[in-house]
Amino acid sequence: MLIIKFLSFIALLGSIAWLIAEPDYEPVIAVVTSLVTFITTFISLKKTDATPEQTQVVTDGSIGIQAGGNVNTGSISTTKGTKDVE
């Protein structure tokens, strides 16, 4: 991230020098763009964990399978007298 900040600062300095050397609309656009880029490098975008809360209600005599991805049930059986799934 430090390299990106450094390069965006160099681009800002270059575009300011271009604006001083040739005052026109194109160098102004370059200054504004490089300034926005330089400022954006200091804004910390926090990643939010997209972990949805999963809830499930299973009644007697049924088996509930809950997963965050693909699920292959295959052959599911329960031990008699318990709620353990094998």
C-alpha atoms as a PDB file:
ATOM      1  CA  MET A   1       0.000   0.000   0.000  1.00  0.00           C
ATOM      2  CA  LEU A   2       2.954   2.288   0.617  1.00  0.00           C
ATOM      3  CA  ILE A   3       4.047   1.937  -3.002  1.00  0.00           C
ATOM      4  CA  ILE A   4       0.592   2.951  -4.229  1.00  0.00           C
ATOM      5  CA  LYS A   5       0.649   6.029  -1.976  1.00  0.00           C
ATOM      6  CA  PHE A   6       4.105   6.949  -3.229  1.00  0.00           C
ATOM      7  CA  LEU A   7       3.167   6.500  -6.901  1.00  0.00           C
ATOM      8  CA  SER A   8      -0.052   8.483  -6.530  1.00  0.00           C
ATOM      9  CA  PHE A   9       1.905  11.293  -4.848  1.00  0.00           C
ATOM     10  CA  ILE A  10       4.434  11.313  -7.712  1.00  0.00           C
ATOM     11  CA  ALA A  11       1.546  11.420 -10.198  1.00  0.00           C
ATOM     12  CA  LEU A  12       0.072  14.371  -8.303  1.00  0.00           C
ATOM     13  CA  LEU A  13       3.375  16.228  -8.396  1.00  0.00           C
ATOM     14  CA  GLY A  14       3.763  15.483 -12.102  1.00  0.00           C
ATOM     15  CA  SER A  15       0.283  16.682 -12.929  1.00  0.00           C
ATOM     16  CA  ILE A  16       0.812  19.889 -10.911  1.00  0.00           C
ATOM     17  CA  ALA A  17       4.066  20.489 -12.796  1.00  0.00           C
ATOM     18  CA  TRP A  18       2.233  19.898 -16.082  1.00  0.00           C
ATOM     19  CA  LEU A  19      -0.461  22.404 -15.041  1.00  0.00           C
ATOM     20  CA  ILE A  20       2.177  25.023 -14.225  1.00  0.00           C
ATOM     21  CA  ALA A  21       4.018  24.425 -17.507  1.00  0.00           C
ATOM     22  CA  GLU A  22       0.905  24.351 -19.721  1.00  0.00           C
ATOM     23  CA  PRO A  23      -2.210  25.825 -18.092  1.00  0.00           C
ATOM     24  CA  ASP A  24      -5.098  24.160 -19.906  1.00  0.00           C
ATOM     25  CA  TYR A  25      -8.089  21.963 -19.113  1.00  0.00           C
ATOM     26  CA  GLU A  26      -6.249  18.642 -19.593  1.00  0.00           C
ATOM     27  CA  PRO A  27      -3.670  19.271 -16.843  1.00  0.00           C
ATOM     28  CA  VAL A  28      -6.486  20.420 -14.550  1.00  0.00           C
ATOM     29  CA  ILE A  29      -8.285  17.110 -15.122  1.00  0.00           C
ATOM     30  CA  ALA A  30      -5.028  15.275 -14.424  1.00  0.00           C
ATOM     31  CA  VAL A  31      -4.485  17.231 -11.177  1.00  0.00           C
ATOM     32  CA  VAL A  32      -8.023  16.558  -9.957  1.00  0.00           C
ATOM     33  CA  THR A  33      -7.813  12.881 -10.856  1.00  0.00           C
ATOM     34  CA  SER A  34      -4.424  12.359  -9.238  1.00  0.00           C
ATOM     35  CA  LEU A  35      -5.500  14.326  -6.151  1.00  0.00           C
ATOM     36  CA  VAL A  36      -8.580  12.151  -5.729  1.00  0.00           C
ATOM     37  CA  THR A  37      -6.439   9.053  -6.187  1.00  0.00           C
ATOM     38  CA  PHE A  38      -3.919  10.262  -3.616  1.00  0.00           C
ATOM     39  CA  ILE A  39      -6.634  11.057  -1.063  1.00  0.00           C
ATOM     40  CA  THR A  40      -8.336   7.718  -1.679  1.00  0.00           C
ATOM     41  CA  THR A  41      -5.172   5.828  -0.768  1.00  0.00           C
ATOM     42  CA  PHE A  42      -5.527   7.113   2.791  1.00  0.00           C
ATOM     43  CA  ILE A  43      -9.139   6.083   3.186  1.00  0.00           C
ATOM     44  CA  SER A  44      -9.311   2.724   4.881  1.00  0.00           C
ATOM     45  CA  LEU A  45     -12.004   0.536   3.428  1.00  0.00           C
ATOM     46  CA  LYS A  46     -12.825  -2.063   6.021  1.00  0.00           C
ATOM     47  CA  LYS A  47     -13.946  -5.442   4.794  1.00  0.00           C
ATOM     48  CA  THR A  48     -17.064  -6.693   6.455  1.00  0.00           C
ATOM     49  CA  ASP A  49     -17.387 -10.377   7.035  1.00  0.00           C
ATOM     50  CA  ALA A  50     -20.469 -11.555   5.223  1.00  0.00           C
ATOM     51  CA  THR A  51     -21.230 -14.371   7.617  1.00  0.00           C
ATOM     52  CA  PRO A  52     -24.973 -14.698   7.759  1.00  0.00           C
ATOM     53  CA  GLU A  53     -26.463 -16.066  10.908  1.00  0.00           C
ATOM     54  CA  GLN A  54     -28.003 -19.412  10.222  1.00  0.00           C
ATOM     55  CA  THR A  55     -30.887 -20.695  12.242  1.00  0.00           C
ATOM     56  CA  GLN A  56     -32.764 -23.895  11.761  1.00  0.00           C
ATOM     57  CA  VAL A  57     -35.684 -25.599  13.428  1.00  0.00           C
ATOM     58  CA  VAL A  58     -35.907 -29.381  13.116  1.00  0.00           C
ATOM     59  CA  THR A  59     -38.860 -31.334  14.418  1.00  0.00           C
ATOM     60  CA  ASP A  60     -38.827 -34.869  15.811  1.00  0.00           C
ATOM     61  CA  GLY A  61     -38.183 -37.596  13.286  1.00  0.00           C
ATOM     62  CA  SER A  62     -36.294 -35.342  10.868  1.00  0.00           C
ATOM     63  CA  ILE A  63     -32.682 -34.499  10.167  1.00  0.00           C
ATOM     64  CA  GLY A  64     -31.470 -30.948   9.654  1.00  0.00           C
ATOM     65  CA  ILE A  65     -28.422 -30.230   7.505  1.00  0.00           C
ATOM     66  CA  GLN A  66     -27.001 -26.753   7.533  1.00  0.00           C
ATOM     67  CA  ALA A  67     -23.944 -25.662   5.617  1.00  0.00           C
ATOM     68  CA  GLY A  68     -22.516 -22.572   4.005  1.00  0.00           C
ATOM     69  CA  GLY A  69     -21.848 -24.265   0.674  1.00  0.00           C
ATOM     70  CA  ASN A  70     -22.614 -27.342  -1.368  1.00  0.00           C
ATOM     71  CA  VAL A  71     -23.969 -30.258   0.615  1.00  0.00           C
ATOM     72  CA  ASN A  72     -24.042 -33.881  -0.460  1.00  0.00           C
ATOM     73  CA  THR A  73     -26.268 -35.838   1.861  1.00  0.00           C
ATOM     74  CA  GLY A  74     -25.420 -39.293   0.513  1.00  0.00           C
ATOM     75  CA  SER A  75     -26.921 -41.822   2.891  1.00  0.00           C
ATOM     76  CA  ILE A  76     -27.730 -40.283   6.242  1.00  0.00           C
ATOM     77  CA  SER A  77     -28.885 -42.406   9.108  1.00  0.00           C
ATOM     78  CA  THR A  78     -29.367 -41.833  12.801  1.00  0.00           C
ATOM     79  CA  THR A  79     -28.508 -44.054  15.703  1.00  0.00           C
ATOM     80  CA  LYS A  80     -31.675 -45.400  17.240  1.00  0.00           C
ATOM     81  CA  GLY A  81     -32.617 -43.624  20.421  1.00  0.00           C
ATOM     82  CA  THR A  82     -30.291 -40.663  19.840  1.00  0.00           C
ATOM     83  CA  LYS A  83     -30.280 -37.593  17.671  1.00  0.00           C
ATOM     84  CA  ASP A  84     -26.734 -38.225  16.386  1.00  0.00           C
ATOM     85  CA  VAL A  85     -26.332 -38.328  12.628  1.00  0.00           C
ATOM     86  CA  GLU A  86     -23.928 -40.765  11.007  1.00  0.00           C
END
